[in-house]
N, C-alpha and C. Protein backbone atom coordinates (compact mmCIF):
# COMPACT_ATOMS: atom_id res chain seq x y z
N MET A 1 -2.90 12.09 5.76
CA MET A 1 -2.62 11.51 4.47
C MET A 1 -3.14 10.07 4.44
N THR A 2 -3.65 9.68 3.32
CA THR A 2 -4.03 8.29 3.13
C THR A 2 -3.07 7.69 2.10
N ASN A 3 -3.20 6.42 1.86
CA ASN A 3 -2.33 5.80 0.87
C ASN A 3 -3.19 4.97 -0.09
N THR A 4 -2.58 4.54 -1.16
CA THR A 4 -3.31 3.82 -2.20
C THR A 4 -2.84 2.38 -2.34
N ILE A 5 -2.31 1.82 -1.27
CA ILE A 5 -1.81 0.45 -1.33
C ILE A 5 -2.91 -0.53 -1.72
N LYS A 6 -4.08 -0.37 -1.15
CA LYS A 6 -5.18 -1.28 -1.48
C LYS A 6 -5.51 -1.20 -2.98
N TYR A 7 -5.53 -0.01 -3.52
CA TYR A 7 -5.80 0.18 -4.94
C TYR A 7 -4.80 -0.62 -5.78
N TRP A 8 -3.50 -0.43 -5.50
CA TRP A 8 -2.47 -1.12 -6.29
C TRP A 8 -2.50 -2.62 -6.06
N ARG A 9 -2.77 -3.03 -4.82
CA ARG A 9 -2.84 -4.46 -4.52
C ARG A 9 -3.99 -5.11 -5.28
N ASN A 10 -5.15 -4.47 -5.27
CA ASN A 10 -6.30 -5.01 -6.01
C ASN A 10 -6.06 -5.02 -7.51
N LYS A 11 -5.39 -3.98 -8.00
CA LYS A 11 -5.09 -3.91 -9.42
C LYS A 11 -4.20 -5.09 -9.85
N ARG A 12 -3.34 -5.54 -8.96
CA ARG A 12 -2.46 -6.68 -9.24
C ARG A 12 -3.08 -8.01 -8.81
N LYS A 13 -4.34 -7.95 -8.36
CA LYS A 13 -5.08 -9.15 -7.94
C LYS A 13 -4.33 -9.94 -6.85
N MET A 14 -3.85 -9.20 -5.86
CA MET A 14 -3.15 -9.81 -4.73
C MET A 14 -4.02 -9.72 -3.49
N SER A 15 -3.92 -10.73 -2.65
CA SER A 15 -4.60 -10.67 -1.36
C SER A 15 -3.72 -9.90 -0.38
N GLN A 16 -4.32 -9.49 0.73
CA GLN A 16 -3.54 -8.85 1.78
C GLN A 16 -2.46 -9.80 2.29
N ALA A 17 -2.82 -11.07 2.44
CA ALA A 17 -1.87 -12.05 2.94
C ALA A 17 -0.67 -12.19 2.01
N GLN A 18 -0.92 -12.20 0.70
CA GLN A 18 0.17 -12.32 -0.26
C GLN A 18 1.12 -11.12 -0.19
N LEU A 19 0.54 -9.94 -0.20
CA LEU A 19 1.37 -8.73 -0.16
C LEU A 19 2.13 -8.66 1.16
N ALA A 20 1.45 -8.94 2.25
CA ALA A 20 2.10 -8.88 3.56
C ALA A 20 3.29 -9.83 3.62
N GLU A 21 3.13 -11.02 3.08
CA GLU A 21 4.23 -11.98 3.09
C GLU A 21 5.41 -11.48 2.26
N ILE A 22 5.13 -10.94 1.09
CA ILE A 22 6.19 -10.47 0.21
C ILE A 22 6.97 -9.32 0.84
N VAL A 23 6.27 -8.38 1.48
CA VAL A 23 6.96 -7.22 2.05
C VAL A 23 7.34 -7.43 3.52
N GLU A 24 7.10 -8.64 4.00
CA GLU A 24 7.54 -9.08 5.32
C GLU A 24 6.94 -8.28 6.48
N ILE A 25 5.61 -8.14 6.43
CA ILE A 25 4.86 -7.61 7.57
C ILE A 25 3.69 -8.56 7.80
N ASP A 26 3.02 -8.43 8.94
CA ASP A 26 1.88 -9.32 9.15
C ASP A 26 0.63 -8.73 8.52
N ARG A 27 -0.33 -9.59 8.16
CA ARG A 27 -1.54 -9.16 7.48
C ARG A 27 -2.35 -8.15 8.27
N PRO A 28 -2.52 -8.32 9.60
CA PRO A 28 -3.26 -7.29 10.34
C PRO A 28 -2.63 -5.89 10.26
N THR A 29 -1.32 -5.85 10.22
CA THR A 29 -0.65 -4.54 10.07
C THR A 29 -0.96 -3.94 8.72
N LEU A 30 -0.91 -4.75 7.67
CA LEU A 30 -1.25 -4.26 6.34
C LEU A 30 -2.70 -3.79 6.30
N SER A 31 -3.58 -4.53 6.93
CA SER A 31 -4.99 -4.14 6.98
C SER A 31 -5.15 -2.76 7.61
N LYS A 32 -4.43 -2.52 8.69
CA LYS A 32 -4.51 -1.21 9.36
C LYS A 32 -3.95 -0.11 8.46
N ILE A 33 -2.86 -0.40 7.76
CA ILE A 33 -2.26 0.60 6.86
C ILE A 33 -3.21 0.93 5.72
N GLU A 34 -3.93 -0.08 5.21
CA GLU A 34 -4.86 0.16 4.10
C GLU A 34 -6.16 0.84 4.53
N ASN A 35 -6.50 0.76 5.79
CA ASN A 35 -7.77 1.29 6.28
C ASN A 35 -7.74 2.82 6.30
N PRO A 36 -8.60 3.49 5.52
CA PRO A 36 -8.59 4.95 5.48
C PRO A 36 -9.06 5.60 6.78
N ASN A 37 -9.70 4.84 7.65
CA ASN A 37 -10.18 5.39 8.92
C ASN A 37 -9.13 5.34 10.02
N ILE A 38 -8.01 4.69 9.75
CA ILE A 38 -6.92 4.60 10.71
C ILE A 38 -5.74 5.37 10.12
N PRO A 39 -5.32 6.44 10.75
CA PRO A 39 -4.28 7.29 10.16
C PRO A 39 -2.87 6.71 10.31
N ILE A 40 -2.63 5.57 9.65
CA ILE A 40 -1.32 4.95 9.67
C ILE A 40 -0.83 4.84 8.22
N ASP A 41 0.33 5.39 7.96
CA ASP A 41 0.94 5.24 6.64
C ASP A 41 2.17 4.36 6.78
N PRO A 42 2.56 3.72 5.71
CA PRO A 42 3.77 2.89 5.76
C PRO A 42 4.99 3.78 6.00
N ASP A 43 5.98 3.22 6.67
CA ASP A 43 7.23 3.98 6.81
C ASP A 43 7.91 4.02 5.44
N GLU A 44 8.97 4.81 5.35
CA GLU A 44 9.64 5.01 4.05
C GLU A 44 10.12 3.69 3.45
N LYS A 45 10.71 2.84 4.27
CA LYS A 45 11.25 1.58 3.78
C LYS A 45 10.15 0.69 3.21
N LEU A 46 9.02 0.60 3.92
CA LEU A 46 7.91 -0.22 3.45
C LEU A 46 7.28 0.38 2.20
N ALA A 47 7.09 1.68 2.18
CA ALA A 47 6.52 2.34 0.99
C ALA A 47 7.40 2.09 -0.23
N LEU A 48 8.70 2.15 -0.05
CA LEU A 48 9.63 1.91 -1.17
C LEU A 48 9.55 0.46 -1.64
N LYS A 49 9.47 -0.48 -0.70
CA LYS A 49 9.34 -1.90 -1.05
C LYS A 49 8.08 -2.15 -1.87
N ILE A 50 6.97 -1.58 -1.42
CA ILE A 50 5.69 -1.77 -2.10
C ILE A 50 5.72 -1.11 -3.48
N ALA A 51 6.26 0.09 -3.54
CA ALA A 51 6.33 0.80 -4.83
C ALA A 51 7.16 0.00 -5.83
N ARG A 52 8.28 -0.53 -5.40
CA ARG A 52 9.13 -1.33 -6.29
C ARG A 52 8.39 -2.58 -6.76
N LEU A 53 7.71 -3.23 -5.84
CA LEU A 53 6.96 -4.43 -6.18
C LEU A 53 5.91 -4.15 -7.25
N PHE A 54 5.21 -3.04 -7.12
CA PHE A 54 4.15 -2.70 -8.06
C PHE A 54 4.66 -1.93 -9.28
N GLY A 55 5.93 -1.56 -9.28
CA GLY A 55 6.49 -0.85 -10.42
C GLY A 55 5.97 0.57 -10.53
N VAL A 56 5.75 1.21 -9.39
CA VAL A 56 5.26 2.59 -9.36
C VAL A 56 6.18 3.44 -8.49
N LEU A 57 5.96 4.72 -8.51
CA LEU A 57 6.72 5.63 -7.66
C LEU A 57 6.17 5.61 -6.23
N VAL A 58 7.02 5.95 -5.27
CA VAL A 58 6.56 6.04 -3.89
C VAL A 58 5.44 7.06 -3.78
N THR A 59 5.52 8.12 -4.56
CA THR A 59 4.46 9.14 -4.53
C THR A 59 3.13 8.57 -5.02
N ASP A 60 3.19 7.53 -5.85
CA ASP A 60 1.94 6.88 -6.27
C ASP A 60 1.33 6.07 -5.13
N ILE A 61 2.15 5.62 -4.21
CA ILE A 61 1.67 4.88 -3.05
C ILE A 61 1.08 5.83 -2.00
N LEU A 62 1.70 7.00 -1.85
CA LEU A 62 1.30 7.93 -0.80
C LEU A 62 0.44 9.08 -1.33
N ARG A 63 -0.51 8.77 -2.15
CA ARG A 63 -1.45 9.77 -2.68
C ARG A 63 -2.57 9.99 -1.69
N ARG A 64 -3.19 11.11 -1.79
CA ARG A 64 -4.35 11.39 -0.94
C ARG A 64 -5.61 10.71 -1.49
N GLU A 65 -5.74 10.67 -2.78
CA GLU A 65 -6.96 10.14 -3.39
C GLU A 65 -6.61 9.26 -4.59
N ILE A 66 -7.43 8.24 -4.81
CA ILE A 66 -7.27 7.36 -5.96
C ILE A 66 -7.38 8.17 -7.25
N GLU A 67 -8.26 9.16 -7.28
CA GLU A 67 -8.49 9.94 -8.49
C GLU A 67 -7.22 10.62 -8.97
N GLU A 68 -6.26 10.86 -8.05
CA GLU A 68 -5.01 11.50 -8.46
C GLU A 68 -4.18 10.57 -9.32
N ILE A 69 -4.45 9.27 -9.26
CA ILE A 69 -3.69 8.29 -10.02
C ILE A 69 -4.20 8.21 -11.45
N GLU A 70 -5.50 8.21 -11.58
CA GLU A 70 -6.12 7.94 -12.89
C GLU A 70 -6.23 9.15 -13.75
């Protein structure tokens, strides 16, 4: 599974550093989570935090493809 955190972050014009600080993780960890070549997804707590921040459902964060959103 991949996630769409980068999509939502870019849509809100946030840097990785900004998002990482808000959700209380380090930027390199966020970078790994956003990287589609590294099979790391956020844990439930982090996915929920990010979804709430962006005003979307957790399922919108844990989509396989961006096209599923649009």
